[in-house]
Amino acid sequence: MDETSTTPWPPLIRDINADGQFTLSDVWLWIVQLYFVPGDAVLWVLLTYTPGLATFLELGPGSYHGLFTAMVSGGIWLVAIVIVG
């Protein structure tokens, strides 16, 4: 298995864009990174426990923060908002 598939989430650090300053762009990147957590978690489960299905769906380590994870995350966040609201 590719080593990158075992660590889908980069650490949430203060200066996430590594420009040497903490700015509003860092906050935006935090929001984007947190949005993708549910979809990236689903992708990680697929890659780790069902690699055959992941291959069939043409998913791999390069799919983190991609279209598949964006759609899955959107669905999960929508369900969470409906449940909480």
PDB file of N, CA and C in Angstrom:
ATOM      1  N   MET A   1       0.841  -1.174   0.000  1.00  0.00           N
ATOM      2  CA  MET A   1       0.000   0.000   0.000  1.00  0.00           C
ATOM      3  C   MET A   1       0.887   1.239   0.000  1.00  0.00           C
ATOM      4  N   ASP A   2       0.440   2.269  -0.657  1.00  0.00           N
ATOM      5  CA  ASP A   2       1.184   3.516  -0.726  1.00  0.00           C
ATOM      6  C   ASP A   2       1.177   4.183   0.648  1.00  0.00           C
ATOM      7  N   GLU A   3       2.322   4.653   1.090  1.00  0.00           N
ATOM      8  CA  GLU A   3       2.442   5.264   2.408  1.00  0.00           C
ATOM      9  C   GLU A   3       1.552   6.495   2.544  1.00  0.00           C
ATOM     10  N   THR A   4       1.331   7.243   1.463  1.00  0.00           N
ATOM     11  CA  THR A   4       0.522   8.453   1.559  1.00  0.00           C
ATOM     12  C   THR A   4      -0.928   8.145   1.884  1.00  0.00           C
ATOM     13  N   SER A   5      -1.386   6.934   1.608  1.00  0.00           N
ATOM     14  CA  SER A   5      -2.777   6.605   1.906  1.00  0.00           C
ATOM     15  C   SER A   5      -3.010   6.404   3.399  1.00  0.00           C
ATOM     16  N   THR A   6      -1.950   6.257   4.191  1.00  0.00           N
ATOM     17  CA  THR A   6      -2.125   6.062   5.623  1.00  0.00           C
ATOM     18  C   THR A   6      -2.158   7.385   6.377  1.00  0.00           C
ATOM     19  N   THR A   7      -1.808   8.491   5.751  1.00  0.00           N
ATOM     20  CA  THR A   7      -1.813   9.791   6.415  1.00  0.00           C
ATOM     21  C   THR A   7      -2.515  10.827   5.540  1.00  0.00           C
ATOM     22  N   PRO A   8      -3.848  10.767   5.463  1.00  0.00           N
ATOM     23  CA  PRO A   8      -4.553  11.680   4.573  1.00  0.00           C
ATOM     24  C   PRO A   8      -4.652  13.101   5.084  1.00  0.00           C
ATOM     25  N   TRP A   9      -4.497  13.298   6.381  1.00  0.00           N
ATOM     26  CA  TRP A   9      -4.720  14.618   6.938  1.00  0.00           C
ATOM     27  C   TRP A   9      -3.409  15.252   7.374  1.00  0.00           C
ATOM     28  N   PRO A  10      -3.051  16.373   6.752  1.00  0.00           N
ATOM     29  CA  PRO A  10      -1.868  17.087   7.230  1.00  0.00           C
ATOM     30  C   PRO A  10      -2.183  17.716   8.588  1.00  0.00           C
ATOM     31  N   PRO A  11      -1.183  17.978   9.390  1.00  0.00           N
ATOM     32  CA  PRO A  11      -1.465  18.562  10.703  1.00  0.00           C
ATOM     33  C   PRO A  11      -2.069  19.961  10.556  1.00  0.00           C
ATOM     34  N   LEU A  12      -2.972  20.313  11.457  1.00  0.00           N
ATOM     35  CA  LEU A  12      -3.588  21.635  11.443  1.00  0.00           C
ATOM     36  C   LEU A  12      -2.668  22.575  12.213  1.00  0.00           C
ATOM     37  N   ILE A  13      -1.815  23.273  11.482  1.00  0.00           N
ATOM     38  CA  ILE A  13      -0.851  24.176  12.097  1.00  0.00           C
ATOM     39  C   ILE A  13      -1.290  25.614  11.877  1.00  0.00           C
ATOM     40  N   ARG A  14      -0.750  26.514  12.664  1.00  0.00           N
ATOM     41  CA  ARG A  14      -1.165  27.914  12.589  1.00  0.00           C
ATOM     42  C   ARG A  14      -0.900  28.514  11.217  1.00  0.00           C
ATOM     43  N   ASP A  15       0.316  28.398  10.710  1.00  0.00           N
ATOM     44  CA  ASP A  15       0.684  28.956   9.401  1.00  0.00           C
ATOM     45  C   ASP A  15       0.585  27.844   8.361  1.00  0.00           C
ATOM     46  N   ILE A  16      -0.637  27.515   7.970  1.00  0.00           N
ATOM     47  CA  ILE A  16      -0.875  26.344   7.128  1.00  0.00           C
ATOM     48  C   ILE A  16      -0.347  26.515   5.702  1.00  0.00           C
ATOM     49  N   ASN A  17      -0.267  27.753   5.209  1.00  0.00           N
ATOM     50  CA  ASN A  17       0.236  27.942   3.847  1.00  0.00           C
ATOM     51  C   ASN A  17       1.738  28.212   3.816  1.00  0.00           C
ATOM     52  N   ALA A  18       2.387  28.185   4.966  1.00  0.00           N
ATOM     53  CA  ALA A  18       3.847  28.271   5.096  1.00  0.00           C
ATOM     54  C   ALA A  18       4.435  29.519   4.457  1.00  0.00           C
ATOM     55  N   ASP A  19       3.734  30.654   4.597  1.00  0.00           N
ATOM     56  CA  ASP A  19       4.287  31.897   4.069  1.00  0.00           C
ATOM     57  C   ASP A  19       5.016  32.701   5.139  1.00  0.00           C
ATOM     58  N   GLY A  20       5.096  32.150   6.354  1.00  0.00           N
ATOM     59  CA  GLY A  20       5.816  32.811   7.426  1.00  0.00           C
ATOM     60  C   GLY A  20       4.968  33.763   8.249  1.00  0.00           C
ATOM     61  N   GLN A  21       3.692  33.909   7.890  1.00  0.00           N
ATOM     62  CA  GLN A  21       2.803  34.810   8.616  1.00  0.00           C
ATOM     63  C   GLN A  21       1.464  34.125   8.841  1.00  0.00           C
ATOM     64  N   PHE A  22       0.808  34.503   9.937  1.00  0.00           N
ATOM     65  CA  PHE A  22      -0.542  34.012  10.200  1.00  0.00           C
ATOM     66  C   PHE A  22      -1.514  35.061   9.681  1.00  0.00           C
ATOM     67  N   THR A  23      -2.262  34.713   8.637  1.00  0.00           N
ATOM     68  CA  THR A  23      -3.165  35.666   7.993  1.00  0.00           C
ATOM     69  C   THR A  23      -4.539  35.032   7.782  1.00  0.00           C
ATOM     70  N   LEU A  24      -5.435  35.817   7.194  1.00  0.00           N
ATOM     71  CA  LEU A  24      -6.780  35.341   6.894  1.00  0.00           C
ATOM     72  C   LEU A  24      -6.752  34.161   5.926  1.00  0.00           C
ATOM     73  N   SER A  25      -5.751  34.128   5.041  1.00  0.00           N
ATOM     74  CA  SER A  25      -5.664  32.977   4.117  1.00  0.00           C
ATOM     75  C   SER A  25      -5.437  31.675   4.868  1.00  0.00           C
ATOM     76  N   ASP A  26      -4.739  31.729   5.992  1.00  0.00           N
ATOM     77  CA  ASP A  26      -4.542  30.520   6.795  1.00  0.00           C
ATOM     78  C   ASP A  26      -5.872  30.039   7.377  1.00  0.00           C
ATOM     79  N   VAL A  27      -6.700  30.976   7.830  1.00  0.00           N
ATOM     80  CA  VAL A  27      -8.009  30.613   8.377  1.00  0.00           C
ATOM     81  C   VAL A  27      -8.860  29.966   7.287  1.00  0.00           C
ATOM     82  N   TRP A  28      -8.844  30.539   6.077  1.00  0.00           N
ATOM     83  CA  TRP A  28      -9.605  29.964   4.964  1.00  0.00           C
ATOM     84  C   TRP A  28      -9.125  28.541   4.666  1.00  0.00           C
ATOM     85  N   LEU A  29      -7.829  28.325   4.667  1.00  0.00           N
ATOM     86  CA  LEU A  29      -7.294  26.988   4.398  1.00  0.00           C
ATOM     87  C   LEU A  29      -7.669  26.009   5.511  1.00  0.00           C
ATOM     88  N   TRP A  30      -7.790  26.483   6.754  1.00  0.00           N
ATOM     89  CA  TRP A  30      -8.271  25.623   7.838  1.00  0.00           C
ATOM     90  C   TRP A  30      -9.690  25.164   7.546  1.00  0.00           C
ATOM     91  N   ILE A  31     -10.535  26.120   7.119  1.00  0.00           N
ATOM     92  CA  ILE A  31     -11.935  25.795   6.822  1.00  0.00           C
ATOM     93  C   ILE A  31     -12.018  24.773   5.696  1.00  0.00           C
ATOM     94  N   VAL A  32     -11.229  24.986   4.645  1.00  0.00           N
ATOM     95  CA  VAL A  32     -11.222  24.043   3.518  1.00  0.00           C
ATOM     96  C   VAL A  32     -10.761  22.670   3.983  1.00  0.00           C
ATOM     97  N   GLN A  33      -9.690  22.635   4.767  1.00  0.00           N
ATOM     98  CA  GLN A  33      -9.170  21.357   5.246  1.00  0.00           C
ATOM     99  C   GLN A  33     -10.200  20.642   6.116  1.00  0.00           C
ATOM    100  N   LEU A  34     -10.882  21.364   6.989  1.00  0.00           N
ATOM    101  CA  LEU A  34     -11.896  20.747   7.854  1.00  0.00           C
ATOM    102  C   LEU A  34     -13.112  20.286   7.059  1.00  0.00           C
ATOM    103  N   TYR A  35     -13.460  21.007   5.985  1.00  0.00           N
ATOM    104  CA  TYR A  35     -14.586  20.594   5.141  1.00  0.00           C
ATOM    105  C   TYR A  35     -14.338  19.207   4.554  1.00  0.00           C
ATOM    106  N   PHE A  36     -13.111  18.938   4.141  1.00  0.00           N
ATOM    107  CA  PHE A  36     -12.787  17.681   3.467  1.00  0.00           C
ATOM    108  C   PHE A  36     -12.576  16.497   4.412  1.00  0.00           C
ATOM    109  N   VAL A  37     -12.552  16.710   5.712  1.00  0.00           N
ATOM    110  CA  VAL A  37     -12.270  15.618   6.653  1.00  0.00           C
ATOM    111  C   VAL A  37     -13.222  14.429   6.488  1.00  0.00           C
ATOM    112  N   PRO A  38     -14.555  14.617   6.418  1.00  0.00           N
ATOM    113  CA  PRO A  38     -15.424  13.434   6.282  1.00  0.00           C
ATOM    114  C   PRO A  38     -15.166  12.641   5.000  1.00  0.00           C
ATOM    115  N   GLY A  39     -15.034  13.318   3.877  1.00  0.00           N
ATOM    116  CA  GLY A  39     -14.794  12.626   2.611  1.00  0.00           C
ATOM    117  C   GLY A  39     -13.437  11.954   2.568  1.00  0.00           C
ATOM    118  N   ASP A  40     -12.433  12.634   3.120  1.00  0.00           N
ATOM    119  CA  ASP A  40     -11.106  12.029   3.170  1.00  0.00           C
ATOM    120  C   ASP A  40     -11.102  10.803   4.081  1.00  0.00           C
ATOM    121  N   ALA A  41     -11.902  10.835   5.157  1.00  0.00           N
ATOM    122  CA  ALA A  41     -11.996   9.675   6.051  1.00  0.00           C
ATOM    123  C   ALA A  41     -12.632   8.492   5.330  1.00  0.00           C
ATOM    124  N   VAL A  42     -13.686   8.757   4.554  1.00  0.00           N
ATOM    125  CA  VAL A  42     -14.321   7.686   3.775  1.00  0.00           C
ATOM    126  C   VAL A  42     -13.330   7.129   2.759  1.00  0.00           C
ATOM    127  N   LEU A  43     -12.600   8.000   2.091  1.00  0.00           N
ATOM    128  CA  LEU A  43     -11.599   7.550   1.123  1.00  0.00           C
ATOM    129  C   LEU A  43     -10.518   6.724   1.812  1.00  0.00           C
ATOM    130  N   TRP A  44     -10.072   7.150   2.979  1.00  0.00           N
ATOM    131  CA  TRP A  44      -9.054   6.403   3.714  1.00  0.00           C
ATOM    132  C   TRP A  44      -9.552   4.997   4.042  1.00  0.00           C
ATOM    133  N   VAL A  45     -10.821   4.894   4.474  1.00  0.00           N
ATOM    134  CA  VAL A  45     -11.401   3.577   4.777  1.00  0.00           C
ATOM    135  C   VAL A  45     -11.423   2.719   3.518  1.00  0.00           C
ATOM    136  N   LEU A  46     -11.840   3.300   2.390  1.00  0.00           N
ATOM    137  CA  LEU A  46     -11.860   2.543   1.130  1.00  0.00           C
ATOM    138  C   LEU A  46     -10.464   2.065   0.750  1.00  0.00           C
ATOM    139  N   LEU A  47      -9.483   2.950   0.832  1.00  0.00           N
ATOM    140  CA  LEU A  47      -8.121   2.581   0.438  1.00  0.00           C
ATOM    141  C   LEU A  47      -7.505   1.558   1.388  1.00  0.00           C
ATOM    142  N   THR A  48      -7.842   1.649   2.658  1.00  0.00           N
ATOM    143  CA  THR A  48      -7.234   0.773   3.657  1.00  0.00           C
ATOM    144  C   THR A  48      -7.901  -0.594   3.719  1.00  0.00           C
ATOM    145  N   TYR A  49      -9.237  -0.620   3.721  1.00  0.00           N
ATOM    146  CA  TYR A  49      -9.951  -1.866   3.968  1.00  0.00           C
ATOM    147  C   TYR A  49     -10.559  -2.507   2.724  1.00  0.00           C
ATOM    148  N   THR A  50     -10.770  -1.737   1.667  1.00  0.00           N
ATOM    149  CA  THR A  50     -11.332  -2.300   0.431  1.00  0.00           C
ATOM    150  C   THR A  50     -10.559  -1.767  -0.776  1.00  0.00           C
ATOM    151  N   PRO A  51      -9.282  -2.106  -0.876  1.00  0.00           N
ATOM    152  CA  PRO A  51      -8.481  -1.570  -1.981  1.00  0.00           C
ATOM    153  C   PRO A  51      -9.001  -1.988  -3.355  1.00  0.00           C
ATOM    154  N   GLY A  52      -9.633  -3.148  -3.451  1.00  0.00           N
ATOM    155  CA  GLY A  52     -10.197  -3.576  -4.728  1.00  0.00           C
ATOM    156  C   GLY A  52     -11.313  -2.648  -5.184  1.00  0.00           C
ATOM    157  N   LEU A  53     -12.185  -2.266  -4.257  1.00  0.00           N
ATOM    158  CA  LEU A  53     -13.263  -1.334  -4.582  1.00  0.00           C
ATOM    159  C   LEU A  53     -12.700   0.040  -4.934  1.00  0.00           C
ATOM    160  N   ALA A  54     -11.687   0.477  -4.190  1.00  0.00           N
ATOM    161  CA  ALA A  54     -11.062   1.770  -4.485  1.00  0.00           C
ATOM    162  C   ALA A  54     -10.445   1.766  -5.877  1.00  0.00           C
ATOM    163  N   THR A  55      -9.810   0.664  -6.246  1.00  0.00           N
ATOM    164  CA  THR A  55      -9.227   0.553  -7.584  1.00  0.00           C
ATOM    165  C   THR A  55     -10.319   0.560  -8.639  1.00  0.00           C
ATOM    166  N   PHE A  56     -11.411  -0.156  -8.398  1.00  0.00           N
ATOM    167  CA  PHE A  56     -12.524  -0.181  -9.343  1.00  0.00           C
ATOM    168  C   PHE A  56     -13.103   1.216  -9.545  1.00  0.00           C
ATOM    169  N   LEU A  57     -13.190   1.987  -8.462  1.00  0.00           N
ATOM    170  CA  LEU A  57     -13.715   3.351  -8.538  1.00  0.00           C
ATOM    171  C   LEU A  57     -12.664   4.356  -9.008  1.00  0.00           C
ATOM    172  N   GLU A  58     -11.460   3.850  -9.312  1.00  0.00           N
ATOM    173  CA  GLU A  58     -10.332   4.670  -9.759  1.00  0.00           C
ATOM    174  C   GLU A  58      -9.961   5.736  -8.733  1.00  0.00           C
ATOM    175  N   LEU A  59      -9.936   5.321  -7.471  1.00  0.00           N
ATOM    176  CA  LEU A  59      -9.546   6.200  -6.379  1.00  0.00           C
ATOM    177  C   LEU A  59      -8.181   5.777  -5.874  1.00  0.00           C
ATOM    178  N   GLY A  60      -7.396   6.741  -5.477  1.00  0.00           N
ATOM    179  CA  GLY A  60      -6.076   6.460  -4.947  1.00  0.00           C
ATOM    180  C   GLY A  60      -5.651   7.581  -4.012  1.00  0.00           C
ATOM    181  N   PRO A  61      -4.411   7.551  -3.552  1.00  0.00           N
ATOM    182  CA  PRO A  61      -3.930   8.597  -2.647  1.00  0.00           C
ATOM    183  C   PRO A  61      -4.038  10.002  -3.245  1.00  0.00           C
ATOM    184  N   GLY A  62      -3.998  10.114  -4.553  1.00  0.00           N
ATOM    185  CA  GLY A  62      -4.145  11.418  -5.190  1.00  0.00           C
ATOM    186  C   GLY A  62      -5.569  11.944  -5.166  1.00  0.00           C
ATOM    187  N   SER A  63      -6.503  11.142  -4.677  1.00  0.00           N
ATOM    188  CA  SER A  63      -7.910  11.545  -4.642  1.00  0.00           C
ATOM    189  C   SER A  63      -8.282  12.344  -3.397  1.00  0.00           C
ATOM    190  N   TYR A  64      -7.362  12.422  -2.417  1.00  0.00           N
ATOM    191  CA  TYR A  64      -7.644  13.239  -1.238  1.00  0.00           C
ATOM    192  C   TYR A  64      -7.853  14.681  -1.676  1.00  0.00           C
ATOM    193  N   HIS A  65      -8.848  15.339  -1.100  1.00  0.00           N
ATOM    194  CA  HIS A  65      -9.236  16.717  -1.441  1.00  0.00           C
ATOM    195  C   HIS A  65      -9.673  16.829  -2.895  1.00  0.00           C
ATOM    196  N   GLY A  66     -10.189  15.752  -3.469  1.00  0.00           N
ATOM    197  CA  GLY A  66     -10.639  15.751  -4.859  1.00  0.00           C
ATOM    198  C   GLY A  66     -12.157  15.808  -4.960  1.00  0.00           C
ATOM    199  N   LEU A  67     -12.660  15.566  -6.165  1.00  0.00           N
ATOM    200  CA  LEU A  67     -14.093  15.644  -6.432  1.00  0.00           C
ATOM    201  C   LEU A  67     -14.881  14.621  -5.610  1.00  0.00           C
ATOM    202  N   PHE A  68     -14.392  13.378  -5.555  1.00  0.00           N
ATOM    203  CA  PHE A  68     -15.092  12.340  -4.792  1.00  0.00           C
ATOM    204  C   PHE A  68     -15.230  12.742  -3.328  1.00  0.00           C
ATOM    205  N   THR A  69     -14.134  13.162  -2.720  1.00  0.00           N
ATOM    206  CA  THR A  69     -14.186  13.516  -1.303  1.00  0.00           C
ATOM    207  C   THR A  69     -14.981  14.796  -1.077  1.00  0.00           C
ATOM    208  N   ALA A  70     -14.986  15.702  -2.043  1.00  0.00           N
ATOM    209  CA  ALA A  70     -15.796  16.921  -1.917  1.00  0.00           C
ATOM    210  C   ALA A  70     -17.280  16.573  -1.899  1.00  0.00           C
ATOM    211  N   MET A  71     -17.691  15.662  -2.784  1.00  0.00           N
ATOM    212  CA  MET A  71     -19.108  15.273  -2.829  1.00  0.00           C
ATOM    213  C   MET A  71     -19.509  14.510  -1.567  1.00  0.00           C
ATOM    214  N   VAL A  72     -18.667  13.593  -1.127  1.00  0.00           N
ATOM    215  CA  VAL A  72     -18.965  12.830   0.094  1.00  0.00           C
ATOM    216  C   VAL A  72     -19.022  13.773   1.296  1.00  0.00           C
ATOM    217  N   SER A  73     -18.055  14.677   1.396  1.00  0.00           N
ATOM    218  CA  SER A  73     -18.044  15.628   2.510  1.00  0.00           C
ATOM    219  C   SER A  73     -19.284  16.504   2.488  1.00  0.00           C
ATOM    220  N   GLY A  74     -19.654  16.992   1.311  1.00  0.00           N
ATOM    221  CA  GLY A  74     -20.848  17.821   1.197  1.00  0.00           C
ATOM    222  C   GLY A  74     -22.091  17.092   1.673  1.00  0.00           C
ATOM    223  N   GLY A  75     -22.221  15.831   1.277  1.00  0.00           N
ATOM    224  CA  GLY A  75     -23.366  15.038   1.716  1.00  0.00           C
ATOM    225  C   GLY A  75     -23.374  14.822   3.213  1.00  0.00           C
ATOM    226  N   ILE A  76     -22.226  14.504   3.769  1.00  0.00           N
ATOM    227  CA  ILE A  76     -22.141  14.260   5.212  1.00  0.00           C
ATOM    228  C   ILE A  76     -22.416  15.543   5.993  1.00  0.00           C
ATOM    229  N   TRP A  77     -21.830  16.668   5.548  1.00  0.00           N
ATOM    230  CA  TRP A  77     -22.085  17.938   6.238  1.00  0.00           C
ATOM    231  C   TRP A  77     -23.554  18.331   6.131  1.00  0.00           C
ATOM    232  N   LEU A  78     -24.178  18.087   4.979  1.00  0.00           N
ATOM    233  CA  LEU A  78     -25.599  18.403   4.804  1.00  0.00           C
ATOM    234  C   LEU A  78     -26.459  17.587   5.768  1.00  0.00           C
ATOM    235  N   VAL A  79     -26.187  16.294   5.853  1.00  0.00           N
ATOM    236  CA  VAL A  79     -26.925  15.435   6.790  1.00  0.00           C
ATOM    237  C   VAL A  79     -26.702  15.907   8.228  1.00  0.00           C
ATOM    238  N   ALA A  80     -25.472  16.262   8.567  1.00  0.00           N
ATOM    239  CA  ALA A  80     -25.172  16.732   9.924  1.00  0.00           C
ATOM    240  C   ALA A  80     -25.931  18.018  10.243  1.00  0.00           C
ATOM    241  N   ILE A  81     -25.997  18.931   9.277  1.00  0.00           N
ATOM    242  CA  ILE A  81     -26.717  20.191   9.492  1.00  0.00           C
ATOM    243  C   ILE A  81     -28.210  19.933   9.666  1.00  0.00           C
ATOM    244  N   VAL A  82     -28.768  19.028   8.865  1.00  0.00           N
ATOM    245  CA  VAL A  82     -30.194  18.704   8.983  1.00  0.00           C
ATOM    246  C   VAL A  82     -30.487  18.067  10.338  1.00  0.00           C
ATOM    247  N   ILE A  83     -29.615  17.180  10.789  1.00  0.00           N
ATOM    248  CA  ILE A  83     -29.817  16.515  12.079  1.00  0.00           C
ATOM    249  C   ILE A  83     -29.724  17.526  13.225  1.00  0.00           C
ATOM    250  N   VAL A  84     -28.732  18.394  13.173  1.00  0.00           N
ATOM    251  CA  VAL A  84     -28.538  19.378  14.244  1.00  0.00           C
ATOM    252  C   VAL A  84     -29.619  20.452  14.196  1.00  0.00           C
ATOM    253  N   GLY A  85     -29.985  20.865  12.970  1.00  0.00           N
ATOM    254  CA  GLY A  85     -30.964  21.952  12.805  1.00  0.00           C
ATOM    255  C   GLY A  85     -32.311  21.451  13.059  1.00  0.00           C
TER     256      GLY A  85
END
